[in-house]
Protein backbone atom coordinates (compact mmCIF):
# COMPACT_ATOMS: atom_id res chain seq x y z
CA UNK A 1 -11.08 -44.22 -65.55
CA UNK A 2 -11.66 -40.54 -65.59
CA UNK A 3 -14.27 -40.70 -62.88
CA UNK A 4 -11.87 -42.70 -60.58
CA UNK A 5 -9.27 -39.96 -61.02
CA UNK A 6 -11.86 -37.31 -60.22
CA UNK A 7 -12.95 -39.17 -57.19
CA UNK A 8 -9.36 -39.64 -55.90
CA UNK A 9 -8.77 -35.84 -56.41
CA UNK A 10 -11.79 -34.89 -54.44
CA UNK A 11 -10.68 -37.34 -51.71
CA UNK A 12 -7.26 -35.77 -51.49
CA UNK A 13 -8.75 -32.32 -51.37
CA UNK A 14 -11.11 -33.39 -48.54
CA UNK A 15 -8.23 -34.78 -46.59
CA UNK A 16 -6.27 -31.62 -46.97
CA UNK A 17 -9.23 -29.49 -46.04
CA UNK A 18 -9.79 -31.59 -42.81
CA UNK A 19 -6.04 -31.27 -41.91
CA UNK A 20 -6.17 -27.58 -42.41
CA UNK A 21 -9.27 -27.33 -40.22
CA UNK A 22 -7.58 -29.49 -37.44
CA UNK A 23 -4.43 -27.29 -37.64
CA UNK A 24 -6.50 -24.07 -37.46
CA UNK A 25 -8.51 -25.47 -34.51
CA UNK A 26 -5.32 -26.43 -32.62
CA UNK A 27 -3.85 -23.02 -33.33
CA UNK A 28 -6.88 -21.28 -32.06
CA UNK A 29 -6.86 -23.45 -28.81
CA UNK A 30 -3.19 -22.85 -28.35
CA UNK A 31 -3.50 -19.02 -28.99
CA UNK A 32 -6.47 -18.91 -26.58
CA UNK A 33 -4.58 -20.69 -23.82
CA UNK A 34 -1.47 -18.50 -24.34
CA UNK A 35 -3.61 -15.43 -24.26
CA UNK A 36 -5.35 -16.42 -21.06
CA UNK A 37 -2.04 -17.21 -19.44
CA UNK A 38 -0.58 -13.98 -20.54
CA UNK A 39 -3.43 -11.84 -19.43
CA UNK A 40 -4.30 -13.68 -16.12
CA UNK A 41 -1.65 -15.64 -14.46
CA UNK A 42 1.91 -14.23 -14.73
CA UNK A 43 3.66 -16.62 -12.28
CA UNK A 44 5.90 -13.79 -11.09
CA UNK A 45 3.16 -11.61 -9.73
CA UNK A 46 1.09 -14.36 -8.18
CA UNK A 47 1.37 -14.49 -4.37
CA UNK A 48 1.11 -12.42 -1.29
CA UNK A 49 2.77 -9.06 -1.06
CA UNK A 50 3.21 -6.38 1.62
CA UNK A 51 3.78 -2.59 1.22
CA UNK A 52 4.91 -0.33 4.00
CA UNK A 53 2.75 2.84 3.60
CA UNK A 54 4.93 5.81 4.67
CA UNK A 55 2.88 8.35 6.74
CA UNK A 56 5.74 10.10 8.48
CA UNK A 57 5.54 13.40 6.73
CA UNK A 58 1.73 13.59 7.26
CA UNK A 59 2.05 12.85 10.97
CA UNK A 60 4.80 15.49 11.27
CA UNK A 61 2.72 18.14 9.46
CA UNK A 62 -0.34 17.42 11.64
CA UNK A 63 1.69 17.32 14.93
CA UNK A 64 3.44 20.71 14.17
CA UNK A 65 0.15 22.27 13.03
CA UNK A 66 -1.45 21.29 16.41
CA UNK A 67 1.41 22.66 18.36
CA UNK A 68 1.11 26.04 16.56
CA UNK A 69 -2.75 26.06 16.82
CA UNK A 70 -2.51 25.45 20.58
CA UNK A 71 -0.30 28.49 20.82
CA UNK A 72 2.58 26.40 22.07
CA UNK A 73 4.92 27.99 19.58
CA UNK A 74 7.19 26.63 16.92
CA UNK A 75 10.34 26.39 19.00
CA UNK A 76 10.55 22.63 18.40
CA UNK A 77 9.86 20.40 15.49
CA UNK A 78 7.75 17.31 16.48
CA UNK A 79 9.44 15.54 13.45
CA UNK A 80 12.67 15.53 15.46
CA UNK A 81 11.04 13.05 17.82
CA UNK A 82 9.18 11.15 15.19
CA UNK A 83 10.67 7.91 13.88
CA UNK A 84 9.44 6.60 10.52
CA UNK A 85 5.73 5.87 10.65
CA UNK A 86 4.77 3.00 8.43
CA UNK A 87 1.39 1.05 8.11
CA UNK A 88 1.47 -2.43 6.43
CA UNK A 89 -0.75 -2.98 3.38
CA UNK A 90 -1.35 -6.47 2.20
CA UNK A 91 -1.87 -7.36 -1.46
CA UNK A 92 -2.89 -10.85 -2.67
CA UNK A 93 -2.77 -11.96 -6.34
CA UNK A 94 -4.03 -15.34 -7.11
CA UNK A 95 -3.44 -17.74 -10.03
CA UNK A 96 -7.10 -17.48 -11.16
CA UNK A 97 -6.76 -13.70 -11.84
CA UNK A 98 -8.20 -12.25 -8.58
CA UNK A 99 -6.66 -9.50 -6.40
CA UNK A 100 -7.48 -8.31 -2.83
CA UNK A 101 -5.84 -5.61 -0.63
CA UNK A 102 -6.37 -4.65 2.90
CA UNK A 103 -5.05 -2.44 5.63
CA UNK A 104 -3.27 -3.91 8.62
CA UNK A 105 -5.49 -2.50 11.40
CA UNK A 106 -3.15 -3.65 14.19
CA UNK A 107 -0.16 -1.85 12.26
CA UNK A 108 -2.22 1.27 12.07
CA UNK A 109 -2.96 1.29 15.82
CA UNK A 110 0.78 0.71 16.62
CA UNK A 111 1.63 3.62 14.23
CA UNK A 112 -0.84 5.90 15.93
CA UNK A 113 0.76 5.15 19.41
CA UNK A 114 4.19 5.90 18.00
CA UNK A 115 3.02 9.21 16.59
CA UNK A 116 1.31 10.27 19.88
CA UNK A 117 4.46 9.22 21.79
CA UNK A 118 6.53 11.54 19.61
CA UNK A 119 4.15 14.45 20.02
CA UNK A 120 4.25 13.95 23.86
CA UNK A 121 8.04 14.14 23.71
CA UNK A 122 7.83 17.34 21.70
CA UNK A 123 5.38 18.81 24.32
CA UNK A 124 7.62 17.95 27.15
CA UNK A 125 10.57 19.54 25.23
CA UNK A 126 8.51 22.73 24.80
CA UNK A 127 7.74 22.85 28.56
CA UNK A 128 11.44 22.58 29.23
CA UNK A 129 12.16 25.45 26.75
CA UNK A 130 9.50 27.59 28.30
CA UNK A 131 10.90 27.08 31.79
CA UNK A 132 14.39 27.92 30.62
CA UNK A 133 13.13 31.05 28.78
CA UNK A 134 11.54 32.19 31.99
CA UNK A 135 14.91 32.13 33.61
CA UNK A 136 14.27 29.25 35.89
CA UNK A 137 16.61 26.30 36.41
CA UNK A 138 16.49 23.89 33.55
CA UNK A 139 13.98 21.05 33.86
CA UNK A 140 14.38 17.44 32.88
CA UNK A 141 11.92 15.58 30.56
CA UNK A 142 10.72 13.79 33.70
CA UNK A 143 10.18 16.93 35.61
CA UNK A 144 8.27 18.48 32.59
CA UNK A 145 6.10 15.32 32.56
CA UNK A 146 5.36 15.81 36.29
CA UNK A 147 4.42 19.44 35.68
CA UNK A 148 2.07 18.36 32.81
CA UNK A 149 0.44 15.72 35.03
CA UNK A 150 -0.07 18.28 37.83
CA UNK A 151 -1.64 20.78 35.48
CA UNK A 152 -4.00 18.57 33.56
CA UNK A 153 -4.36 15.58 35.90
CA UNK A 154 -3.02 12.97 33.41
CA UNK A 155 0.17 12.15 31.51
CA UNK A 156 0.97 13.86 28.26
CA UNK A 157 0.34 10.63 26.23
CA UNK A 158 -2.94 10.01 27.91
CA UNK A 159 -4.09 13.49 27.35
CA UNK A 160 -3.08 13.40 23.56
CA UNK A 161 -4.69 9.91 23.21
CA UNK A 162 -8.02 11.32 24.54
CA UNK A 163 -8.00 14.99 23.30
CA UNK A 164 -5.04 15.37 20.97
CA UNK A 165 -5.03 15.73 17.17
CA UNK A 166 -5.61 12.85 14.65
CA UNK A 167 -2.02 12.46 13.48
CA UNK A 168 -2.90 9.75 10.96
CA UNK A 169 -5.92 8.98 8.71
CA UNK A 170 -8.58 6.75 10.15
CA UNK A 171 -8.74 3.05 9.32
CA UNK A 172 -11.95 3.71 7.26
CA UNK A 173 -10.15 6.53 5.29
CA UNK A 174 -7.17 4.21 4.57
CA UNK A 175 -9.30 1.17 3.74
CA UNK A 176 -11.34 3.20 1.31
CA UNK A 177 -8.07 4.06 -0.54
CA UNK A 178 -6.09 0.91 -0.18
CA UNK A 179 -8.63 -1.76 0.37
CA UNK A 180 -10.89 -3.72 -2.05
CA UNK A 181 -10.83 -6.71 -4.32
CA UNK A 182 -11.62 -7.72 -7.90
CA UNK A 183 -10.13 -9.33 -11.01
CA UNK A 184 -6.83 -8.54 -12.67
CA UNK A 185 -5.37 -9.05 -16.21
CA UNK A 186 -1.93 -8.49 -17.50
CA UNK A 187 -1.62 -6.62 -20.80
CA UNK A 188 1.96 -6.09 -21.88
CA UNK A 189 3.81 -4.21 -19.14
CA UNK A 190 0.46 -3.20 -17.34
CA UNK A 191 -1.33 -4.81 -14.55
CA UNK A 192 -5.07 -4.09 -14.95
CA UNK A 193 -6.60 -4.10 -11.59
CA UNK A 194 -10.49 -4.10 -11.51
CA UNK A 195 -11.54 -1.04 -9.64
CA UNK A 196 -7.98 0.47 -9.43
CA UNK A 197 -7.26 0.99 -13.06
CA UNK A 198 -4.05 0.30 -14.91
CA UNK A 199 -0.60 0.26 -13.33
CA UNK A 200 2.74 -0.34 -15.01
CA UNK A 201 4.25 -3.17 -13.13
CA UNK A 202 7.81 -4.61 -12.57
CA UNK A 203 8.09 -7.83 -10.66
CA UNK A 204 10.62 -10.44 -9.56
CA UNK A 205 10.78 -13.10 -6.89
CA UNK A 206 11.21 -10.45 -4.18
CA UNK A 207 9.67 -7.09 -5.18
CA UNK A 208 6.54 -5.93 -7.05
CA UNK A 209 6.50 -2.20 -8.12
CA UNK A 210 3.22 -0.76 -9.43
CA UNK A 211 3.59 2.64 -11.04
CA UNK A 212 0.47 4.78 -11.31
CA UNK A 213 -0.54 8.43 -11.96
CA UNK A 214 -0.33 9.04 -8.18
CA UNK A 215 3.09 7.49 -7.68
CA UNK A 216 4.81 4.15 -7.25
CA UNK A 217 3.87 1.50 -4.75
CA UNK A 218 6.62 -1.03 -3.89
CA UNK A 219 5.60 -4.40 -2.35
CA UNK A 220 7.83 -7.01 -0.94
CA UNK A 221 6.81 -10.72 -1.24
CA UNK A 222 5.62 -12.26 1.89
CA UNK A 223 7.02 -15.75 2.32
């Protein structure tokens, strides 16, 4: 009788032990899946994003430095003719925890043309100022352009495209800074981008902000 009770007790203990093992195994699996999802695939950040890289101040500084270095004076500010210069940067975050980022080369070429156009306008304005300062009848922008073509054998924009300053970084320079790919994980409020380090992130269905030591990058979701 005593042996029967002991056998039943051992059986109950074995069942309880097996149940505990099953519960612990399920809890471990659940925690592992939750941790994997938390670290790798926040649904909000997954998708295609685009940032407009603002190069306006850099283009203005380089244009004005060239005007001064060419002894054309500082009577005009090239920035007055320079609209906002932006170059698109594309960022892709995938569900399997991968990121890739690239520069829009066509957007950079368009920005370069806009910057050269602004510098040409500043150059024509300076020609008009020099003519006026010399006591001659005021010249229109078209007249100033005609004088430039007569003097150098080409339009101001063509001359700047061939011989003018580099108003924007090269595609290689920007790609080295903003290009690349790798894996990513999410740890609390930080997006860990392999090769780029840690960025505090804030995201919703429209915007993704990445805050790092060198400033904040704001991306808009590409539909």
